[in-house]
Amino acid sequence: MTTKGTPGRVVRIDDETWAAYGELCAEEGTSRADDLRRHAHARVAAWRAASRKQRLKALAEDAKRKPADSDD
């Protein structure tokens, strides 16, 4: 079952780990689904930030390599 119109996803995790993960999340006052969503969002945000930083660095290096326009 999905909420808020988001599609469901299939994740394959062994029963023992899934049960322990459920206990862990319950102790933390969250659900497995919410914990997995927050983890995925955090990973994607970090990846996007690193990609953005890498693109900006490449642009800065390109700008340094190009000869400056002269007034001659």
PDB file of N, CA and C in Angstrom:
ATOM      1  N   MET A   1       0.842  -1.185   0.000  1.00  0.00           N
ATOM      2  CA  MET A   1       0.000   0.000   0.000  1.00  0.00           C
ATOM      3  C   MET A   1       0.883   1.244   0.000  1.00  0.00           C
ATOM      4  N   THR A   2       0.497   2.217  -0.769  1.00  0.00           N
ATOM      5  CA  THR A   2       1.270   3.450  -0.846  1.00  0.00           C
ATOM      6  C   THR A   2       0.468   4.611  -0.290  1.00  0.00           C
ATOM      7  N   THR A   3       1.174   5.671   0.031  1.00  0.00           N
ATOM      8  CA  THR A   3       0.525   6.868   0.549  1.00  0.00           C
ATOM      9  C   THR A   3       0.906   8.055  -0.302  1.00  0.00           C
ATOM     10  N   LYS A   4       0.077   9.069  -0.260  1.00  0.00           N
ATOM     11  CA  LYS A   4       0.351  10.330  -0.948  1.00  0.00           C
ATOM     12  C   LYS A   4       0.675  10.145  -2.427  1.00  0.00           C
ATOM     13  N   GLY A   5       0.165   9.090  -3.025  1.00  0.00           N
ATOM     14  CA  GLY A   5       0.345   8.893  -4.458  1.00  0.00           C
ATOM     15  C   GLY A   5       1.736   8.452  -4.862  1.00  0.00           C
ATOM     16  N   THR A   6       2.590   8.108  -3.904  1.00  0.00           N
ATOM     17  CA  THR A   6       3.924   7.649  -4.277  1.00  0.00           C
ATOM     18  C   THR A   6       3.883   6.164  -4.606  1.00  0.00           C
ATOM     19  N   PRO A   7       4.657   5.751  -5.592  1.00  0.00           N
ATOM     20  CA  PRO A   7       4.644   4.338  -5.953  1.00  0.00           C
ATOM     21  C   PRO A   7       5.348   3.491  -4.902  1.00  0.00           C
ATOM     22  N   GLY A   8       4.896   2.257  -4.743  1.00  0.00           N
ATOM     23  CA  GLY A   8       5.561   1.316  -3.852  1.00  0.00           C
ATOM     24  C   GLY A   8       6.804   0.770  -4.525  1.00  0.00           C
ATOM     25  N   ARG A   9       7.758   0.358  -3.730  1.00  0.00           N
ATOM     26  CA  ARG A   9       9.002  -0.208  -4.252  1.00  0.00           C
ATOM     27  C   ARG A   9       9.222  -1.568  -3.598  1.00  0.00           C
ATOM     28  N   VAL A  10       9.882  -2.443  -4.293  1.00  0.00           N
ATOM     29  CA  VAL A  10      10.208  -3.750  -3.747  1.00  0.00           C
ATOM     30  C   VAL A  10      11.665  -3.719  -3.310  1.00  0.00           C
ATOM     31  N   VAL A  11      11.897  -4.077  -2.056  1.00  0.00           N
ATOM     32  CA  VAL A  11      13.249  -4.165  -1.523  1.00  0.00           C
ATOM     33  C   VAL A  11      13.399  -5.565  -0.954  1.00  0.00           C
ATOM     34  N   ARG A  12      14.425  -6.251  -1.337  1.00  0.00           N
ATOM     35  CA  ARG A  12      14.622  -7.615  -0.855  1.00  0.00           C
ATOM     36  C   ARG A  12      15.651  -7.614   0.268  1.00  0.00           C
ATOM     37  N   ILE A  13      15.188  -7.987   1.470  1.00  0.00           N
ATOM     38  CA  ILE A  13      16.025  -8.044   2.661  1.00  0.00           C
ATOM     39  C   ILE A  13      15.644  -9.325   3.405  1.00  0.00           C
ATOM     40  N   ASP A  14      16.640 -10.039   3.893  1.00  0.00           N
ATOM     41  CA  ASP A  14      16.335 -11.294   4.587  1.00  0.00           C
ATOM     42  C   ASP A  14      15.459 -11.034   5.816  1.00  0.00           C
ATOM     43  N   ASP A  15      14.697 -12.037   6.193  1.00  0.00           N
ATOM     44  CA  ASP A  15      13.714 -11.912   7.278  1.00  0.00           C
ATOM     45  C   ASP A  15      14.338 -11.484   8.601  1.00  0.00           C
ATOM     46  N   GLU A  16      15.486 -12.055   8.949  1.00  0.00           N
ATOM     47  CA  GLU A  16      16.124 -11.736  10.228  1.00  0.00           C
ATOM     48  C   GLU A  16      16.522 -10.259  10.294  1.00  0.00           C
ATOM     49  N   THR A  17      17.132  -9.782   9.232  1.00  0.00           N
ATOM     50  CA  THR A  17      17.541  -8.369   9.185  1.00  0.00           C
ATOM     51  C   THR A  17      16.321  -7.458   9.181  1.00  0.00           C
ATOM     52  N   TRP A  18      15.281  -7.828   8.439  1.00  0.00           N
ATOM     53  CA  TRP A  18      14.069  -7.009   8.362  1.00  0.00           C
ATOM     54  C   TRP A  18      13.402  -6.893   9.730  1.00  0.00           C
ATOM     55  N   ALA A  19      13.353  -7.998  10.454  1.00  0.00           N
ATOM     56  CA  ALA A  19      12.745  -7.990  11.786  1.00  0.00           C
ATOM     57  C   ALA A  19      13.558  -7.117  12.740  1.00  0.00           C
ATOM     58  N   ALA A  20      14.871  -7.274  12.714  1.00  0.00           N
ATOM     59  CA  ALA A  20      15.738  -6.469  13.582  1.00  0.00           C
ATOM     60  C   ALA A  20      15.651  -4.990  13.211  1.00  0.00           C
ATOM     61  N   TYR A  21      15.562  -4.715  11.929  1.00  0.00           N
ATOM     62  CA  TYR A  21      15.425  -3.331  11.462  1.00  0.00           C
ATOM     63  C   TYR A  21      14.114  -2.734  11.969  1.00  0.00           C
ATOM     64  N   GLY A  22      13.062  -3.528  11.976  1.00  0.00           N
ATOM     65  CA  GLY A  22      11.777  -3.082  12.510  1.00  0.00           C
ATOM     66  C   GLY A  22      11.879  -2.736  13.988  1.00  0.00           C
ATOM     67  N   GLU A  23      12.594  -3.573  14.750  1.00  0.00           N
ATOM     68  CA  GLU A  23      12.805  -3.294  16.175  1.00  0.00           C
ATOM     69  C   GLU A  23      13.606  -2.007  16.366  1.00  0.00           C
ATOM     70  N   LEU A  24      14.669  -1.861  15.598  1.00  0.00           N
ATOM     71  CA  LEU A  24      15.503  -0.662  15.673  1.00  0.00           C
ATOM     72  C   LEU A  24      14.684   0.589  15.392  1.00  0.00           C
ATOM     73  N   CYS A  25      13.913   0.557  14.322  1.00  0.00           N
ATOM     74  CA  CYS A  25      13.094   1.722  13.958  1.00  0.00           C
ATOM     75  C   CYS A  25      12.048   2.016  15.028  1.00  0.00           C
ATOM     76  N   ALA A  26      11.439   0.973  15.575  1.00  0.00           N
ATOM     77  CA  ALA A  26      10.439   1.164  16.634  1.00  0.00           C
ATOM     78  C   ALA A  26      11.067   1.836  17.849  1.00  0.00           C
ATOM     79  N   GLU A  27      12.274   1.411  18.212  1.00  0.00           N
ATOM     80  CA  GLU A  27      12.976   2.037  19.342  1.00  0.00           C
ATOM     81  C   GLU A  27      13.280   3.511  19.066  1.00  0.00           C
ATOM     82  N   GLU A  28      13.522   3.835  17.801  1.00  0.00           N
ATOM     83  CA  GLU A  28      13.811   5.218  17.417  1.00  0.00           C
ATOM     84  C   GLU A  28      12.544   6.024  17.153  1.00  0.00           C
ATOM     85  N   GLY A  29      11.391   5.372  17.237  1.00  0.00           N
ATOM     86  CA  GLY A  29      10.124   6.071  17.038  1.00  0.00           C
ATOM     87  C   GLY A  29       9.826   6.407  15.595  1.00  0.00           C
ATOM     88  N   THR A  30      10.287   5.583  14.689  1.00  0.00           N
ATOM     89  CA  THR A  30      10.031   5.813  13.277  1.00  0.00           C
ATOM     90  C   THR A  30       9.602   4.495  12.641  1.00  0.00           C
ATOM     91  N   SER A  31       9.250   4.558  11.379  1.00  0.00           N
ATOM     92  CA  SER A  31       8.906   3.339  10.651  1.00  0.00           C
ATOM     93  C   SER A  31      10.066   2.980   9.725  1.00  0.00           C
ATOM     94  N   ARG A  32      10.088   1.752   9.297  1.00  0.00           N
ATOM     95  CA  ARG A  32      11.122   1.344   8.337  1.00  0.00           C
ATOM     96  C   ARG A  32      11.004   2.180   7.074  1.00  0.00           C
ATOM     97  N   ALA A  33       9.789   2.385   6.605  1.00  0.00           N
ATOM     98  CA  ALA A  33       9.589   3.148   5.365  1.00  0.00           C
ATOM     99  C   ALA A  33      10.121   4.568   5.501  1.00  0.00           C
ATOM    100  N   ASP A  34       9.792   5.221   6.620  1.00  0.00           N
ATOM    101  CA  ASP A  34      10.269   6.593   6.822  1.00  0.00           C
ATOM    102  C   ASP A  34      11.787   6.629   6.934  1.00  0.00           C
ATOM    103  N   ASP A  35      12.363   5.678   7.659  1.00  0.00           N
ATOM    104  CA  ASP A  35      13.813   5.626   7.808  1.00  0.00           C
ATOM    105  C   ASP A  35      14.493   5.420   6.458  1.00  0.00           C
ATOM    106  N   LEU A  36      13.959   4.506   5.651  1.00  0.00           N
ATOM    107  CA  LEU A  36      14.527   4.266   4.321  1.00  0.00           C
ATOM    108  C   LEU A  36      14.393   5.499   3.422  1.00  0.00           C
ATOM    109  N   ARG A  37      13.241   6.175   3.487  1.00  0.00           N
ATOM    110  CA  ARG A  37      13.057   7.398   2.691  1.00  0.00           C
ATOM    111  C   ARG A  37      14.068   8.462   3.096  1.00  0.00           C
ATOM    112  N   ARG A  38      14.220   8.677   4.421  1.00  0.00           N
ATOM    113  CA  ARG A  38      15.169   9.694   4.888  1.00  0.00           C
ATOM    114  C   ARG A  38      16.597   9.348   4.477  1.00  0.00           C
ATOM    115  N   HIS A  39      16.939   8.069   4.538  1.00  0.00           N
ATOM    116  CA  HIS A  39      18.274   7.641   4.124  1.00  0.00           C
ATOM    117  C   HIS A  39      18.488   7.920   2.628  1.00  0.00           C
ATOM    118  N   ALA A  40      17.513   7.548   1.821  1.00  0.00           N
ATOM    119  CA  ALA A  40      17.621   7.773   0.378  1.00  0.00           C
ATOM    120  C   ALA A  40      17.712   9.263   0.054  1.00  0.00           C
ATOM    121  N   HIS A  41      16.887  10.086   0.701  1.00  0.00           N
ATOM    122  CA  HIS A  41      16.924  11.532   0.469  1.00  0.00           C
ATOM    123  C   HIS A  41      18.282  12.120   0.855  1.00  0.00           C
ATOM    124  N   ALA A  42      18.820  11.686   1.991  1.00  0.00           N
ATOM    125  CA  ALA A  42      20.122  12.199   2.439  1.00  0.00           C
ATOM    126  C   ALA A  42      21.229  11.805   1.467  1.00  0.00           C
ATOM    127  N   ARG A  43      21.209  10.563   0.995  1.00  0.00           N
ATOM    128  CA  ARG A  43      22.227  10.111   0.046  1.00  0.00           C
ATOM    129  C   ARG A  43      22.143  10.872  -1.261  1.00  0.00           C
ATOM    130  N   VAL A  44      20.932  11.070  -1.766  1.00  0.00           N
ATOM    131  CA  VAL A  44      20.753  11.796  -3.025  1.00  0.00           C
ATOM    132  C   VAL A  44      21.181  13.256  -2.867  1.00  0.00           C
ATOM    133  N   ALA A  45      20.827  13.891  -1.755  1.00  0.00           N
ATOM    134  CA  ALA A  45      21.227  15.283  -1.521  1.00  0.00           C
ATOM    135  C   ALA A  45      22.740  15.408  -1.477  1.00  0.00           C
ATOM    136  N   ALA A  46      23.425  14.480  -0.817  1.00  0.00           N
ATOM    137  CA  ALA A  46      24.893  14.507  -0.752  1.00  0.00           C
ATOM    138  C   ALA A  46      25.497  14.290  -2.132  1.00  0.00           C
ATOM    139  N   TRP A  47      24.933  13.367  -2.889  1.00  0.00           N
ATOM    140  CA  TRP A  47      25.419  13.095  -4.240  1.00  0.00           C
ATOM    141  C   TRP A  47      25.241  14.319  -5.142  1.00  0.00           C
ATOM    142  N   ARG A  48      24.077  14.946  -5.047  1.00  0.00           N
ATOM    143  CA  ARG A  48      23.830  16.145  -5.854  1.00  0.00           C
ATOM    144  C   ARG A  48      24.777  17.272  -5.474  1.00  0.00           C
ATOM    145  N   ALA A  49      25.017  17.457  -4.176  1.00  0.00           N
ATOM    146  CA  ALA A  49      25.937  18.515  -3.722  1.00  0.00           C
ATOM    147  C   ALA A  49      27.343  18.246  -4.233  1.00  0.00           C
ATOM    148  N   ALA A  50      27.787  17.007  -4.161  1.00  0.00           N
ATOM    149  CA  ALA A  50      29.127  16.656  -4.650  1.00  0.00           C
ATOM    150  C   ALA A  50      29.213  16.866  -6.158  1.00  0.00           C
ATOM    151  N   SER A  51      28.169  16.488  -6.880  1.00  0.00           N
ATOM    152  CA  SER A  51      28.151  16.679  -8.331  1.00  0.00           C
ATOM    153  C   SER A  51      28.184  18.158  -8.683  1.00  0.00           C
ATOM    154  N   ARG A  52      27.424  18.948  -7.950  1.00  0.00           N
ATOM    155  CA  ARG A  52      27.384  20.390  -8.180  1.00  0.00           C
ATOM    156  C   ARG A  52      28.763  20.993  -7.903  1.00  0.00           C
ATOM    157  N   LYS A  53      29.393  20.576  -6.815  1.00  0.00           N
ATOM    158  CA  LYS A  53      30.721  21.083  -6.458  1.00  0.00           C
ATOM    159  C   LYS A  53      31.733  20.705  -7.530  1.00  0.00           C
ATOM    160  N   GLN A  54      31.639  19.482  -8.033  1.00  0.00           N
ATOM    161  CA  GLN A  54      32.544  19.019  -9.074  1.00  0.00           C
ATOM    162  C   GLN A  54      32.349  19.812 -10.368  1.00  0.00           C
ATOM    163  N   ARG A  55      31.092  20.099 -10.723  1.00  0.00           N
ATOM    164  CA  ARG A  55      30.825  20.897 -11.932  1.00  0.00           C
ATOM    165  C   ARG A  55      31.365  22.311 -11.787  1.00  0.00           C
ATOM    166  N   LEU A  56      31.177  22.914 -10.615  1.00  0.00           N
ATOM    167  CA  LEU A  56      31.684  24.264 -10.388  1.00  0.00           C
ATOM    168  C   LEU A  56      33.201  24.298 -10.444  1.00  0.00           C
ATOM    169  N   LYS A  57      33.844  23.277  -9.894  1.00  0.00           N
ATOM    170  CA  LYS A  57      35.302  23.201  -9.938  1.00  0.00           C
ATOM    171  C   LYS A  57      35.775  23.093 -11.386  1.00  0.00           C
ATOM    172  N   ALA A  58      35.109  22.278 -12.193  1.00  0.00           N
ATOM    173  CA  ALA A  58      35.471  22.129 -13.600  1.00  0.00           C
ATOM    174  C   ALA A  58      35.296  23.438 -14.348  1.00  0.00           C
ATOM    175  N   LEU A  59      34.227  24.171 -14.066  1.00  0.00           N
ATOM    176  CA  LEU A  59      34.008  25.469 -14.707  1.00  0.00           C
ATOM    177  C   LEU A  59      35.110  26.456 -14.333  1.00  0.00           C
ATOM    178  N   ALA A  60      35.506  26.457 -13.070  1.00  0.00           N
ATOM    179  CA  ALA A  60      36.566  27.354 -12.613  1.00  0.00           C
ATOM    180  C   ALA A  60      37.892  27.013 -13.286  1.00  0.00           C
ATOM    181  N   GLU A  61      38.182  25.724 -13.425  1.00  0.00           N
ATOM    182  CA  GLU A  61      39.416  25.310 -14.099  1.00  0.00           C
ATOM    183  C   GLU A  61      39.393  25.697 -15.567  1.00  0.00           C
ATOM    184  N   ASP A  62      38.251  25.547 -16.221  1.00  0.00           N
ATOM    185  CA  ASP A  62      38.124  25.951 -17.624  1.00  0.00           C
ATOM    186  C   ASP A  62      38.344  27.453 -17.776  1.00  0.00           C
ATOM    187  N   ALA A  63      37.802  28.230 -16.855  1.00  0.00           N
ATOM    188  CA  ALA A  63      37.953  29.684 -16.919  1.00  0.00           C
ATOM    189  C   ALA A  63      39.410  30.076 -16.768  1.00  0.00           C
ATOM    190  N   LYS A  64      40.166  29.361 -15.958  1.00  0.00           N
ATOM    191  CA  LYS A  64      41.587  29.655 -15.769  1.00  0.00           C
ATOM    192  C   LYS A  64      42.390  29.343 -17.018  1.00  0.00           C
ATOM    193  N   ARG A  65      41.997  28.311 -17.757  1.00  0.00           N
ATOM    194  CA  ARG A  65      42.732  27.888 -18.955  1.00  0.00           C
ATOM    195  C   ARG A  65      42.513  28.805 -20.144  1.00  0.00           C
ATOM    196  N   LYS A  66      41.369  29.447 -20.205  1.00  0.00           N
ATOM    197  CA  LYS A  66      41.066  30.312 -21.354  1.00  0.00           C
ATOM    198  C   LYS A  66      41.881  31.596 -21.246  1.00  0.00           C
ATOM    199  N   PRO A  67      42.467  32.029 -22.363  1.00  0.00           N
ATOM    200  CA  PRO A  67      43.240  33.275 -22.318  1.00  0.00           C
ATOM    201  C   PRO A  67      42.306  34.470 -22.062  1.00  0.00           C
ATOM    202  N   ALA A  68      42.808  35.409 -21.318  1.00  0.00           N
ATOM    203  CA  ALA A  68      42.013  36.612 -21.028  1.00  0.00           C
ATOM    204  C   ALA A  68      41.873  37.444 -22.291  1.00  0.00           C
ATOM    205  N   ASP A  69      40.720  38.078 -22.448  1.00  0.00           N
ATOM    206  CA  ASP A  69      40.520  38.967 -23.587  1.00  0.00           C
ATOM    207  C   ASP A  69      41.425  40.182 -23.419  1.00  0.00           C
ATOM    208  N   SER A  70      42.042  40.570 -24.521  1.00  0.00           N
ATOM    209  CA  SER A  70      42.906  41.751 -24.433  1.00  0.00           C
ATOM    210  C   SER A  70      42.210  42.949 -25.091  1.00  0.00           C
ATOM    211  N   ASP A  71      42.688  44.141 -24.733  1.00  0.00           N
ATOM    212  CA  ASP A  71      42.123  45.363 -25.280  1.00  0.00           C
ATOM    213  C   ASP A  71      42.885  45.835 -26.505  1.00  0.00           C
ATOM    214  N   ASP A  72      43.856  45.055 -26.980  1.00  0.00           N
ATOM    215  CA  ASP A  72      44.694  45.478 -28.116  1.00  0.00           C
ATOM    216  C   ASP A  72      43.968  45.428 -29.413  1.00  0.00           C
TER     217      ASP A  72
END
